[in-house]
N, C-alpha and C. Protein backbone atom coordinates (compact mmCIF):
# COMPACT_ATOMS: atom_id res chain seq x y z
N MET A 1 3.17 -32.93 -89.36
CA MET A 1 3.66 -34.28 -89.23
C MET A 1 4.00 -34.53 -87.76
N ILE A 2 3.55 -35.65 -87.25
CA ILE A 2 3.83 -36.00 -85.86
C ILE A 2 5.12 -36.79 -85.81
N SER A 3 6.03 -36.35 -84.99
CA SER A 3 7.33 -37.00 -84.92
C SER A 3 7.28 -38.24 -84.04
N LEU A 4 8.23 -39.13 -84.25
CA LEU A 4 8.35 -40.33 -83.43
C LEU A 4 8.58 -39.95 -81.98
N TRP A 5 9.33 -38.87 -81.75
CA TRP A 5 9.56 -38.39 -80.39
C TRP A 5 8.23 -38.08 -79.71
N PHE A 6 7.35 -37.40 -80.42
CA PHE A 6 6.06 -37.05 -79.85
C PHE A 6 5.27 -38.30 -79.49
N LEU A 7 5.21 -39.24 -80.43
CA LEU A 7 4.42 -40.45 -80.19
C LEU A 7 4.98 -41.28 -79.05
N SER A 8 6.29 -41.38 -78.95
CA SER A 8 6.87 -42.25 -77.94
C SER A 8 7.00 -41.60 -76.57
N TYR A 9 7.16 -40.30 -76.52
CA TYR A 9 7.41 -39.66 -75.23
C TYR A 9 6.26 -38.75 -74.79
N CYS A 10 5.86 -37.86 -75.65
CA CYS A 10 4.90 -36.84 -75.23
C CYS A 10 3.47 -37.31 -75.23
N PHE A 11 3.07 -38.14 -76.21
CA PHE A 11 1.65 -38.47 -76.29
C PHE A 11 1.11 -39.08 -75.01
N PRO A 12 1.78 -40.05 -74.42
CA PRO A 12 1.19 -40.62 -73.20
C PRO A 12 1.05 -39.60 -72.08
N ARG A 13 1.74 -38.48 -72.17
CA ARG A 13 1.74 -37.50 -71.09
C ARG A 13 0.99 -36.21 -71.40
N PHE A 14 0.75 -35.89 -72.68
CA PHE A 14 0.22 -34.56 -72.98
C PHE A 14 -1.17 -34.37 -72.40
N LYS A 15 -1.94 -35.44 -72.25
CA LYS A 15 -3.28 -35.31 -71.69
C LYS A 15 -3.22 -34.76 -70.26
N LEU A 16 -2.10 -34.99 -69.58
CA LEU A 16 -1.96 -34.48 -68.21
C LEU A 16 -1.96 -32.96 -68.16
N HIS A 17 -1.69 -32.29 -69.30
CA HIS A 17 -1.75 -30.83 -69.33
C HIS A 17 -3.18 -30.32 -69.19
N LEU A 18 -4.16 -31.20 -69.41
CA LEU A 18 -5.55 -30.80 -69.24
C LEU A 18 -5.97 -30.79 -67.77
N ARG A 19 -5.21 -31.48 -66.93
CA ARG A 19 -5.56 -31.59 -65.51
C ARG A 19 -5.60 -30.23 -64.84
N SER A 20 -6.39 -30.17 -63.81
CA SER A 20 -6.47 -28.96 -63.00
C SER A 20 -5.10 -28.64 -62.40
N LYS A 21 -4.79 -27.40 -62.29
CA LYS A 21 -3.52 -26.97 -61.69
C LYS A 21 -3.65 -26.85 -60.17
N HIS A 22 -4.82 -27.21 -59.64
CA HIS A 22 -5.09 -27.11 -58.21
C HIS A 22 -5.36 -28.51 -57.65
N GLY A 23 -5.39 -28.63 -56.36
CA GLY A 23 -5.69 -29.91 -55.71
C GLY A 23 -4.68 -30.97 -56.10
N ASP A 24 -5.19 -32.18 -56.40
CA ASP A 24 -4.32 -33.30 -56.76
C ASP A 24 -3.51 -33.02 -58.03
N GLY A 25 -4.05 -32.22 -58.95
CA GLY A 25 -3.38 -31.96 -60.21
C GLY A 25 -2.11 -31.15 -60.11
N LYS A 26 -1.96 -30.37 -59.05
CA LYS A 26 -0.79 -29.49 -58.98
C LYS A 26 0.51 -30.28 -58.86
N THR A 27 0.51 -31.42 -58.20
CA THR A 27 1.75 -32.19 -58.09
C THR A 27 2.04 -32.96 -59.37
N VAL A 28 1.01 -33.38 -60.08
CA VAL A 28 1.22 -34.10 -61.34
C VAL A 28 1.82 -33.18 -62.38
N ASN A 29 1.32 -31.95 -62.47
CA ASN A 29 1.77 -31.02 -63.50
C ASN A 29 3.25 -30.68 -63.38
N LYS A 30 3.83 -30.80 -62.19
CA LYS A 30 5.25 -30.51 -62.03
C LYS A 30 6.12 -31.53 -62.77
N ASN A 31 5.59 -32.73 -62.98
CA ASN A 31 6.36 -33.82 -63.58
C ASN A 31 6.04 -34.03 -65.06
N VAL A 32 5.28 -33.15 -65.67
CA VAL A 32 4.86 -33.30 -67.05
C VAL A 32 5.79 -32.50 -67.95
N SER A 33 6.24 -33.13 -69.05
CA SER A 33 7.11 -32.41 -69.99
C SER A 33 6.35 -31.26 -70.63
N SER A 34 7.09 -30.26 -71.07
CA SER A 34 6.45 -29.07 -71.65
C SER A 34 5.92 -29.39 -73.04
N LEU A 35 4.96 -28.58 -73.45
CA LEU A 35 4.38 -28.72 -74.79
C LEU A 35 5.33 -28.10 -75.82
N PRO A 36 5.16 -28.45 -77.09
CA PRO A 36 5.99 -27.82 -78.14
C PRO A 36 5.79 -26.30 -78.12
N PRO A 37 6.80 -25.56 -78.56
CA PRO A 37 6.68 -24.09 -78.57
C PRO A 37 5.46 -23.63 -79.38
N ASN A 38 4.79 -22.63 -78.87
CA ASN A 38 3.63 -22.01 -79.53
C ASN A 38 2.46 -22.96 -79.73
N LYS A 39 2.37 -24.00 -78.90
CA LYS A 39 1.25 -24.95 -78.98
C LYS A 39 0.57 -25.02 -77.62
N THR A 40 -0.76 -25.02 -77.64
CA THR A 40 -1.53 -25.24 -76.42
C THR A 40 -1.85 -26.73 -76.35
N VAL A 41 -2.35 -27.16 -75.20
CA VAL A 41 -2.74 -28.56 -75.08
C VAL A 41 -3.87 -28.89 -76.05
N VAL A 42 -4.75 -27.95 -76.31
CA VAL A 42 -5.83 -28.16 -77.28
C VAL A 42 -5.24 -28.35 -78.67
N ASP A 43 -4.23 -27.56 -79.03
CA ASP A 43 -3.56 -27.72 -80.33
C ASP A 43 -2.95 -29.11 -80.47
N VAL A 44 -2.25 -29.55 -79.44
CA VAL A 44 -1.57 -30.85 -79.49
C VAL A 44 -2.59 -31.97 -79.57
N PHE A 45 -3.65 -31.87 -78.76
CA PHE A 45 -4.69 -32.89 -78.79
C PHE A 45 -5.37 -32.91 -80.16
N ALA A 46 -5.64 -31.75 -80.72
CA ALA A 46 -6.26 -31.67 -82.05
C ALA A 46 -5.36 -32.29 -83.11
N ASP A 47 -4.07 -32.01 -83.06
CA ASP A 47 -3.12 -32.61 -84.01
C ASP A 47 -3.16 -34.13 -83.91
N PHE A 48 -3.19 -34.62 -82.68
CA PHE A 48 -3.19 -36.07 -82.50
C PHE A 48 -4.49 -36.69 -82.98
N LEU A 49 -5.62 -36.06 -82.70
CA LEU A 49 -6.91 -36.59 -83.16
C LEU A 49 -6.99 -36.57 -84.69
N ARG A 50 -6.47 -35.50 -85.30
CA ARG A 50 -6.45 -35.42 -86.77
C ARG A 50 -5.60 -36.56 -87.35
N TYR A 51 -4.46 -36.83 -86.71
CA TYR A 51 -3.59 -37.92 -87.14
C TYR A 51 -4.31 -39.27 -87.02
N LEU A 52 -4.96 -39.52 -85.90
CA LEU A 52 -5.69 -40.78 -85.71
C LEU A 52 -6.80 -40.95 -86.74
N MET A 53 -7.52 -39.86 -87.00
CA MET A 53 -8.60 -39.92 -87.98
C MET A 53 -8.06 -40.22 -89.37
N GLY A 54 -6.93 -39.64 -89.71
CA GLY A 54 -6.29 -39.93 -91.00
C GLY A 54 -5.86 -41.38 -91.10
N CYS A 55 -5.33 -41.92 -90.01
CA CYS A 55 -4.93 -43.34 -89.99
C CYS A 55 -6.15 -44.24 -90.16
N ALA A 56 -7.24 -43.91 -89.47
CA ALA A 56 -8.46 -44.71 -89.59
C ALA A 56 -9.01 -44.66 -91.01
N ALA A 57 -9.01 -43.47 -91.60
CA ALA A 57 -9.50 -43.31 -92.98
C ALA A 57 -8.68 -44.13 -93.95
N THR A 58 -7.37 -44.03 -93.83
CA THR A 58 -6.48 -44.79 -94.72
C THR A 58 -6.70 -46.29 -94.56
N TYR A 59 -6.79 -46.75 -93.33
CA TYR A 59 -6.96 -48.18 -93.05
C TYR A 59 -8.27 -48.70 -93.68
N ILE A 60 -9.35 -48.00 -93.44
CA ILE A 60 -10.65 -48.44 -93.97
C ILE A 60 -10.65 -48.38 -95.49
N GLN A 61 -10.14 -47.31 -96.07
CA GLN A 61 -10.16 -47.16 -97.52
C GLN A 61 -9.29 -48.21 -98.21
N GLU A 62 -8.18 -48.60 -97.59
CA GLU A 62 -7.26 -49.54 -98.23
C GLU A 62 -7.56 -51.00 -97.92
N ARG A 63 -8.22 -51.29 -96.83
CA ARG A 63 -8.37 -52.68 -96.39
C ARG A 63 -9.77 -53.25 -96.56
N GLU A 64 -10.77 -52.43 -96.69
CA GLU A 64 -12.15 -52.91 -96.79
C GLU A 64 -12.58 -52.94 -98.25
N ALA A 65 -13.41 -53.91 -98.58
CA ALA A 65 -13.99 -53.95 -99.92
C ALA A 65 -14.86 -52.71 -100.08
N GLY A 66 -14.67 -51.98 -101.14
CA GLY A 66 -15.41 -50.73 -101.35
C GLY A 66 -15.08 -49.72 -100.27
N GLY A 67 -13.84 -49.74 -99.80
CA GLY A 67 -13.43 -48.92 -98.68
C GLY A 67 -13.61 -47.43 -98.87
N ILE A 68 -13.32 -46.93 -100.06
CA ILE A 68 -13.46 -45.49 -100.30
C ILE A 68 -14.93 -45.09 -100.19
N GLN A 69 -15.81 -45.87 -100.82
CA GLN A 69 -17.24 -45.56 -100.75
C GLN A 69 -17.75 -45.72 -99.32
N LEU A 70 -17.28 -46.76 -98.63
CA LEU A 70 -17.68 -46.97 -97.24
C LEU A 70 -17.28 -45.78 -96.37
N TRP A 71 -16.01 -45.37 -96.50
CA TRP A 71 -15.53 -44.24 -95.70
C TRP A 71 -16.32 -42.97 -96.01
N ASN A 72 -16.54 -42.69 -97.29
CA ASN A 72 -17.26 -41.48 -97.67
C ASN A 72 -18.70 -41.49 -97.16
N SER A 73 -19.29 -42.68 -97.02
CA SER A 73 -20.67 -42.74 -96.53
C SER A 73 -20.76 -42.61 -95.00
N LEU A 74 -19.65 -42.85 -94.31
CA LEU A 74 -19.68 -42.84 -92.84
C LEU A 74 -18.97 -41.67 -92.19
N LYS A 75 -18.01 -41.07 -92.86
CA LYS A 75 -17.11 -40.11 -92.21
C LYS A 75 -17.81 -38.93 -91.57
N ASP A 76 -18.94 -38.51 -92.10
CA ASP A 76 -19.64 -37.35 -91.54
C ASP A 76 -20.69 -37.74 -90.50
N GLU A 77 -20.77 -39.04 -90.20
CA GLU A 77 -21.76 -39.52 -89.23
C GLU A 77 -21.10 -40.13 -88.00
N ILE A 78 -19.77 -40.11 -87.94
CA ILE A 78 -19.06 -40.75 -86.83
C ILE A 78 -19.40 -40.05 -85.52
N HIS A 79 -19.66 -40.86 -84.51
CA HIS A 79 -19.90 -40.35 -83.16
C HIS A 79 -18.63 -40.64 -82.37
N PHE A 80 -18.03 -39.61 -81.82
CA PHE A 80 -16.77 -39.74 -81.09
C PHE A 80 -17.04 -39.87 -79.60
N VAL A 81 -16.50 -40.93 -79.01
CA VAL A 81 -16.62 -41.16 -77.58
C VAL A 81 -15.22 -41.06 -77.00
N LEU A 82 -15.00 -40.05 -76.17
CA LEU A 82 -13.68 -39.80 -75.60
C LEU A 82 -13.69 -40.18 -74.12
N SER A 83 -12.68 -40.92 -73.71
CA SER A 83 -12.59 -41.28 -72.30
C SER A 83 -11.68 -40.28 -71.58
N HIS A 84 -11.93 -40.14 -70.30
CA HIS A 84 -11.13 -39.22 -69.48
C HIS A 84 -11.08 -39.74 -68.05
N PRO A 85 -10.11 -39.29 -67.27
CA PRO A 85 -10.03 -39.72 -65.87
C PRO A 85 -11.33 -39.41 -65.11
N ASN A 86 -11.61 -40.23 -64.12
CA ASN A 86 -12.87 -40.14 -63.38
C ASN A 86 -13.15 -38.77 -62.78
N GLY A 87 -12.15 -38.02 -62.37
CA GLY A 87 -12.38 -36.74 -61.72
C GLY A 87 -12.62 -35.57 -62.66
N TRP A 88 -12.46 -35.77 -63.94
CA TRP A 88 -12.59 -34.66 -64.88
C TRP A 88 -14.06 -34.34 -65.13
N GLU A 89 -14.32 -33.05 -65.30
CA GLU A 89 -15.70 -32.62 -65.54
C GLU A 89 -15.73 -31.59 -66.66
N GLY A 90 -16.49 -30.52 -66.44
CA GLY A 90 -16.76 -29.53 -67.47
C GLY A 90 -15.57 -28.90 -68.15
N LYS A 91 -14.61 -28.39 -67.37
CA LYS A 91 -13.49 -27.66 -67.96
C LYS A 91 -12.66 -28.57 -68.87
N GLU A 92 -12.31 -29.73 -68.36
CA GLU A 92 -11.48 -30.65 -69.15
C GLU A 92 -12.24 -31.18 -70.36
N GLN A 93 -13.52 -31.50 -70.18
CA GLN A 93 -14.32 -31.97 -71.31
C GLN A 93 -14.47 -30.88 -72.37
N SER A 94 -14.60 -29.65 -71.93
CA SER A 94 -14.70 -28.53 -72.86
C SER A 94 -13.44 -28.41 -73.72
N GLN A 95 -12.27 -28.57 -73.09
CA GLN A 95 -11.02 -28.51 -73.85
C GLN A 95 -10.92 -29.68 -74.83
N MET A 96 -11.36 -30.85 -74.42
CA MET A 96 -11.34 -32.00 -75.32
C MET A 96 -12.29 -31.76 -76.50
N ARG A 97 -13.46 -31.20 -76.22
CA ARG A 97 -14.42 -30.87 -77.29
C ARG A 97 -13.81 -29.86 -78.25
N GLN A 98 -13.14 -28.83 -77.72
CA GLN A 98 -12.48 -27.83 -78.58
C GLN A 98 -11.45 -28.50 -79.49
N ALA A 99 -10.73 -29.50 -78.96
CA ALA A 99 -9.72 -30.20 -79.76
C ALA A 99 -10.36 -30.98 -80.90
N VAL A 100 -11.48 -31.63 -80.63
CA VAL A 100 -12.19 -32.39 -81.67
C VAL A 100 -12.63 -31.44 -82.78
N ILE A 101 -13.15 -30.28 -82.40
CA ILE A 101 -13.60 -29.28 -83.38
C ILE A 101 -12.40 -28.72 -84.14
N LYS A 102 -11.35 -28.38 -83.43
CA LYS A 102 -10.15 -27.82 -84.08
C LYS A 102 -9.52 -28.82 -85.05
N ALA A 103 -9.63 -30.11 -84.73
CA ALA A 103 -9.10 -31.15 -85.61
C ALA A 103 -9.94 -31.31 -86.88
N GLY A 104 -11.11 -30.69 -86.89
CA GLY A 104 -11.99 -30.78 -88.06
C GLY A 104 -12.81 -32.06 -88.10
N LEU A 105 -12.95 -32.72 -86.97
CA LEU A 105 -13.70 -33.98 -86.94
C LEU A 105 -15.20 -33.74 -86.88
N VAL A 106 -15.61 -32.64 -86.28
CA VAL A 106 -17.02 -32.24 -86.24
C VAL A 106 -17.09 -30.73 -86.42
N GLN A 107 -18.27 -30.26 -86.79
CA GLN A 107 -18.51 -28.83 -86.92
C GLN A 107 -18.75 -28.22 -85.54
N ASN A 108 -18.43 -26.95 -85.38
CA ASN A 108 -18.71 -26.23 -84.15
C ASN A 108 -20.16 -25.75 -84.20
N SER A 109 -21.07 -26.69 -84.01
CA SER A 109 -22.51 -26.43 -84.07
C SER A 109 -23.19 -27.40 -83.11
N PRO A 110 -24.46 -27.16 -82.79
CA PRO A 110 -25.15 -28.11 -81.91
C PRO A 110 -25.14 -29.54 -82.45
N SER A 111 -25.31 -29.71 -83.76
CA SER A 111 -25.29 -31.08 -84.30
C SER A 111 -23.89 -31.68 -84.25
N GLY A 112 -22.86 -30.83 -84.40
CA GLY A 112 -21.49 -31.32 -84.26
C GLY A 112 -21.20 -31.73 -82.83
N HIS A 113 -21.64 -30.90 -81.89
CA HIS A 113 -21.42 -31.20 -80.47
C HIS A 113 -22.15 -32.48 -80.08
N ASP A 114 -23.29 -32.75 -80.70
CA ASP A 114 -24.05 -33.97 -80.40
C ASP A 114 -23.30 -35.24 -80.81
N ARG A 115 -22.32 -35.10 -81.68
CA ARG A 115 -21.53 -36.26 -82.13
C ARG A 115 -20.33 -36.53 -81.23
N ILE A 116 -20.23 -35.83 -80.10
CA ILE A 116 -19.14 -36.02 -79.15
C ILE A 116 -19.74 -36.42 -77.81
N SER A 117 -19.25 -37.52 -77.26
CA SER A 117 -19.66 -37.97 -75.93
C SER A 117 -18.43 -38.22 -75.09
N PHE A 118 -18.62 -38.17 -73.80
CA PHE A 118 -17.53 -38.41 -72.86
C PHE A 118 -17.91 -39.56 -71.95
N VAL A 119 -16.92 -40.34 -71.60
CA VAL A 119 -17.10 -41.46 -70.68
C VAL A 119 -15.88 -41.49 -69.78
N THR A 120 -16.10 -41.78 -68.51
CA THR A 120 -14.95 -41.87 -67.62
C THR A 120 -14.15 -43.12 -67.94
N GLU A 121 -12.88 -43.12 -67.57
CA GLU A 121 -12.05 -44.30 -67.82
C GLU A 121 -12.58 -45.51 -67.07
N GLY A 122 -13.19 -45.28 -65.91
CA GLY A 122 -13.80 -46.37 -65.16
C GLY A 122 -14.95 -47.00 -65.93
N GLU A 123 -15.82 -46.16 -66.51
CA GLU A 123 -16.93 -46.68 -67.31
C GLU A 123 -16.42 -47.40 -68.55
N ALA A 124 -15.42 -46.82 -69.19
CA ALA A 124 -14.85 -47.44 -70.39
C ALA A 124 -14.27 -48.81 -70.07
N SER A 125 -13.59 -48.92 -68.93
CA SER A 125 -13.01 -50.21 -68.52
C SER A 125 -14.10 -51.23 -68.27
N LEU A 126 -15.18 -50.82 -67.64
CA LEU A 126 -16.30 -51.73 -67.37
C LEU A 126 -16.91 -52.23 -68.67
N HIS A 127 -17.15 -51.32 -69.61
CA HIS A 127 -17.72 -51.73 -70.90
C HIS A 127 -16.77 -52.68 -71.65
N PHE A 128 -15.48 -52.41 -71.58
CA PHE A 128 -14.50 -53.28 -72.21
C PHE A 128 -14.56 -54.68 -71.59
N ALA A 129 -14.66 -54.74 -70.27
CA ALA A 129 -14.73 -56.03 -69.58
C ALA A 129 -16.00 -56.78 -69.95
N ILE A 130 -17.12 -56.07 -70.05
CA ILE A 130 -18.38 -56.72 -70.42
C ILE A 130 -18.30 -57.26 -71.84
N GLU A 131 -17.84 -56.42 -72.77
CA GLU A 131 -17.75 -56.83 -74.18
C GLU A 131 -16.77 -57.98 -74.38
N GLY A 132 -15.70 -58.00 -73.60
CA GLY A 132 -14.70 -59.04 -73.74
C GLY A 132 -15.04 -60.33 -73.00
N GLY A 133 -16.18 -60.35 -72.30
CA GLY A 133 -16.58 -61.54 -71.58
C GLY A 133 -15.83 -61.77 -70.28
N ILE A 134 -15.08 -60.78 -69.86
CA ILE A 134 -14.27 -60.94 -68.65
C ILE A 134 -15.16 -61.12 -67.43
N LEU A 135 -16.26 -60.39 -67.36
CA LEU A 135 -17.14 -60.49 -66.20
C LEU A 135 -17.84 -61.84 -66.13
N SER A 136 -18.25 -62.37 -67.29
CA SER A 136 -18.90 -63.68 -67.27
C SER A 136 -17.91 -64.77 -66.88
N GLN A 137 -16.64 -64.62 -67.29
CA GLN A 137 -15.61 -65.59 -66.88
C GLN A 137 -15.39 -65.51 -65.38
N ALA A 138 -15.39 -64.30 -64.82
CA ALA A 138 -15.21 -64.13 -63.38
C ALA A 138 -16.38 -64.76 -62.63
N LYS A 139 -17.59 -64.63 -63.18
CA LYS A 139 -18.77 -65.22 -62.55
C LYS A 139 -18.65 -66.75 -62.53
N GLU A 140 -18.18 -67.33 -63.63
CA GLU A 140 -17.99 -68.79 -63.69
C GLU A 140 -16.98 -69.24 -62.65
N VAL A 141 -15.89 -68.52 -62.51
CA VAL A 141 -14.87 -68.88 -61.52
C VAL A 141 -15.46 -68.78 -60.11
N SER A 142 -16.23 -67.73 -59.87
CA SER A 142 -16.85 -67.53 -58.57
C SER A 142 -17.81 -68.67 -58.24
N GLN A 143 -18.60 -69.09 -59.24
CA GLN A 143 -19.54 -70.19 -59.03
C GLN A 143 -18.80 -71.50 -58.77
N SER A 144 -17.66 -71.70 -59.44
CA SER A 144 -16.85 -72.90 -59.21
C SER A 144 -16.34 -72.93 -57.78
N TRP A 145 -15.88 -71.76 -57.29
CA TRP A 145 -15.40 -71.69 -55.92
C TRP A 145 -16.53 -71.95 -54.94
N ASP A 146 -17.71 -71.43 -55.23
CA ASP A 146 -18.86 -71.67 -54.35
C ASP A 146 -19.15 -73.15 -54.24
N CYS A 147 -19.09 -73.87 -55.38
CA CYS A 147 -19.32 -75.32 -55.36
C CYS A 147 -18.27 -76.02 -54.53
N LEU A 148 -17.02 -75.62 -54.69
CA LEU A 148 -15.92 -76.26 -53.91
C LEU A 148 -16.08 -75.98 -52.43
N LEU A 149 -16.47 -74.77 -52.08
CA LEU A 149 -16.60 -74.43 -50.65
C LEU A 149 -17.73 -75.19 -50.01
N LYS A 150 -18.77 -75.52 -50.76
CA LYS A 150 -19.89 -76.29 -50.20
C LYS A 150 -19.47 -77.72 -49.86
N LEU A 151 -18.43 -78.20 -50.49
CA LEU A 151 -17.95 -79.56 -50.22
C LEU A 151 -17.30 -79.64 -48.84
N PHE A 152 -16.84 -78.53 -48.33
CA PHE A 152 -16.12 -78.54 -47.05
C PHE A 152 -17.03 -78.19 -45.95
């Protein structure tokens, strides 16, 4: 069971335990709260992913028409896309992949690994902006300014 303390205080910070202990990461790690006793960052991340998956399953099963059948038809085909800071590469992605496997979301096999993708937070933000129409709105504003500037 995930405690309210974990969700409100530790969750926003536990991902920082994945950061490198060298370079820029060494100063960040000094300010990060410790993990629960006898838990690694992979354990904590796996617990959180398992919790999120359970919440998603419950929501779909209870709120969608034919939700139980829908969930059962999709749960083994879900493709997980995890975002991470722009500087993270192999080591951090490997730990995130281990957490997904430990959470039981995919099998530890080539086909299971194929259901996990990584995207940088920068890429994720860009896709969010495109999907939300933010970029097209910015283009309209820019074109409006261009028209106004031509008047002067």
